[in-house]
C-alpha atoms as a PDB file:
ATOM      1  CA  MET A   1      -6.888 -13.600 -17.056  1.00  0.00           C
ATOM      2  CA  ILE A   2      -6.009 -10.653 -14.842  1.00  0.00           C
ATOM      3  CA  VAL A   3      -5.341  -8.495 -17.900  1.00  0.00           C
ATOM      4  CA  TYR A   4      -8.765  -9.076 -19.445  1.00  0.00           C
ATOM      5  CA  THR A   5     -10.544  -8.448 -16.171  1.00  0.00           C
ATOM      6  CA  ALA A   6      -8.567  -5.267 -15.584  1.00  0.00           C
ATOM      7  CA  MET A   7      -9.340  -4.063 -19.106  1.00  0.00           C
ATOM      8  CA  ALA A   8     -13.066  -4.638 -18.650  1.00  0.00           C
ATOM      9  CA  VAL A   9     -13.068  -2.852 -15.295  1.00  0.00           C
ATOM     10  CA  GLY A  10     -11.048   0.014 -16.783  1.00  0.00           C
ATOM     11  CA  ALA A  11     -13.417   0.484 -19.703  1.00  0.00           C
ATOM     12  CA  LEU A  12     -16.407   0.449 -17.372  1.00  0.00           C
ATOM     13  CA  PHE A  13     -14.757   2.866 -14.955  1.00  0.00           C
ATOM     14  CA  GLY A  14     -13.734   5.248 -17.752  1.00  0.00           C
ATOM     15  CA  GLY A  15     -17.156   5.225 -19.355  1.00  0.00           C
ATOM     16  CA  LEU A  16     -18.889   5.904 -16.070  1.00  0.00           C
ATOM     17  CA  ARG A  17     -16.454   8.688 -15.233  1.00  0.00           C
ATOM     18  CA  ALA A  18     -17.078  10.435 -18.566  1.00  0.00           C
ATOM     19  CA  ARG A  19     -20.826  10.025 -18.160  1.00  0.00           C
ATOM     20  CA  ARG A  20     -20.663  11.605 -14.695  1.00  0.00           C
ATOM     21  CA  ARG A  21     -18.914  14.591 -16.272  1.00  0.00           C
ATOM     22  CA  ARG A  22     -21.762  14.819 -18.811  1.00  0.00           C
ATOM     23  CA  GLY A  23     -19.609  13.938 -21.815  1.00  0.00           C
ATOM     24  CA  THR A  24     -20.885  13.203 -25.288  1.00  0.00           C
ATOM     25  CA  GLY A  25     -20.786   9.745 -26.816  1.00  0.00           C
ATOM     26  CA  LEU A  26     -17.314  10.288 -28.242  1.00  0.00           C
ATOM     27  CA  ASP A  27     -16.044  11.569 -24.884  1.00  0.00           C
ATOM     28  CA  ILE A  28     -17.361   8.440 -23.195  1.00  0.00           C
ATOM     29  CA  ALA A  29     -15.709   6.237 -25.829  1.00  0.00           C
ATOM     30  CA  GLN A  30     -12.387   8.061 -25.471  1.00  0.00           C
ATOM     31  CA  TYR A  31     -12.373   7.838 -21.675  1.00  0.00           C
ATOM     32  CA  ALA A  32     -13.299   4.150 -21.880  1.00  0.00           C
ATOM     33  CA  ALA A  33     -10.475   3.474 -24.349  1.00  0.00           C
ATOM     34  CA  VAL A  34      -7.867   5.345 -22.308  1.00  0.00           C
ATOM     35  CA  TYR A  35      -8.815   3.632 -19.064  1.00  0.00           C
ATOM     36  CA  LEU A  36      -8.985   0.254 -20.852  1.00  0.00           C
ATOM     37  CA  ILE A  37      -5.383   0.679 -22.019  1.00  0.00           C
ATOM     38  CA  LEU A  38      -4.197   1.999 -18.654  1.00  0.00           C
ATOM     39  CA  PHE A  39      -5.794  -0.790 -16.640  1.00  0.00           C
ATOM     40  CA  GLY A  40      -4.626  -3.360 -19.213  1.00  0.00           C
ATOM     41  CA  VAL A  41      -1.003  -2.284 -18.772  1.00  0.00           C
ATOM     42  CA  LEU A  42      -1.357  -2.325 -14.981  1.00  0.00           C
ATOM     43  CA  GLY A  43      -2.947  -5.775 -15.193  1.00  0.00           C
ATOM     44  CA  MET A  44      -0.075  -6.996 -17.335  1.00  0.00           C
ATOM     45  CA  PHE A  45       2.450  -5.804 -14.774  1.00  0.00           C
ATOM     46  CA  ALA A  46       0.445  -7.465 -12.008  1.00  0.00           C
ATOM     47  CA  THR A  47       0.420 -10.717 -13.982  1.00  0.00           C
ATOM     48  CA  ILE A  48       4.185 -10.584 -14.518  1.00  0.00           C
ATOM     49  CA  ILE A  49       4.851  -9.836 -10.858  1.00  0.00           C
ATOM     50  CA  LEU A  50       2.576 -12.657  -9.680  1.00  0.00           C
ATOM     51  CA  ASP A  51       4.123 -15.062 -12.186  1.00  0.00           C
ATOM     52  CA  ARG A  52       7.636 -14.254 -10.968  1.00  0.00           C
ATOM     53  CA  MET A  53       6.648 -14.696  -7.319  1.00  0.00           C
ATOM     54  CA  ILE A  54       5.113 -18.146  -7.742  1.00  0.00           C
END
């Protein structure tokens, strides 16, 4: 559950960041995809760490 939430937040954050920099549609999509992957990996690590602690 943490992974999916992190991916959604990452895509939103990346898209907004590219829009703030006045990027084209493809720039916005690329930023959203990169941040989606990055936040997804971080969310996966967070899930593993929390699972090991409990």
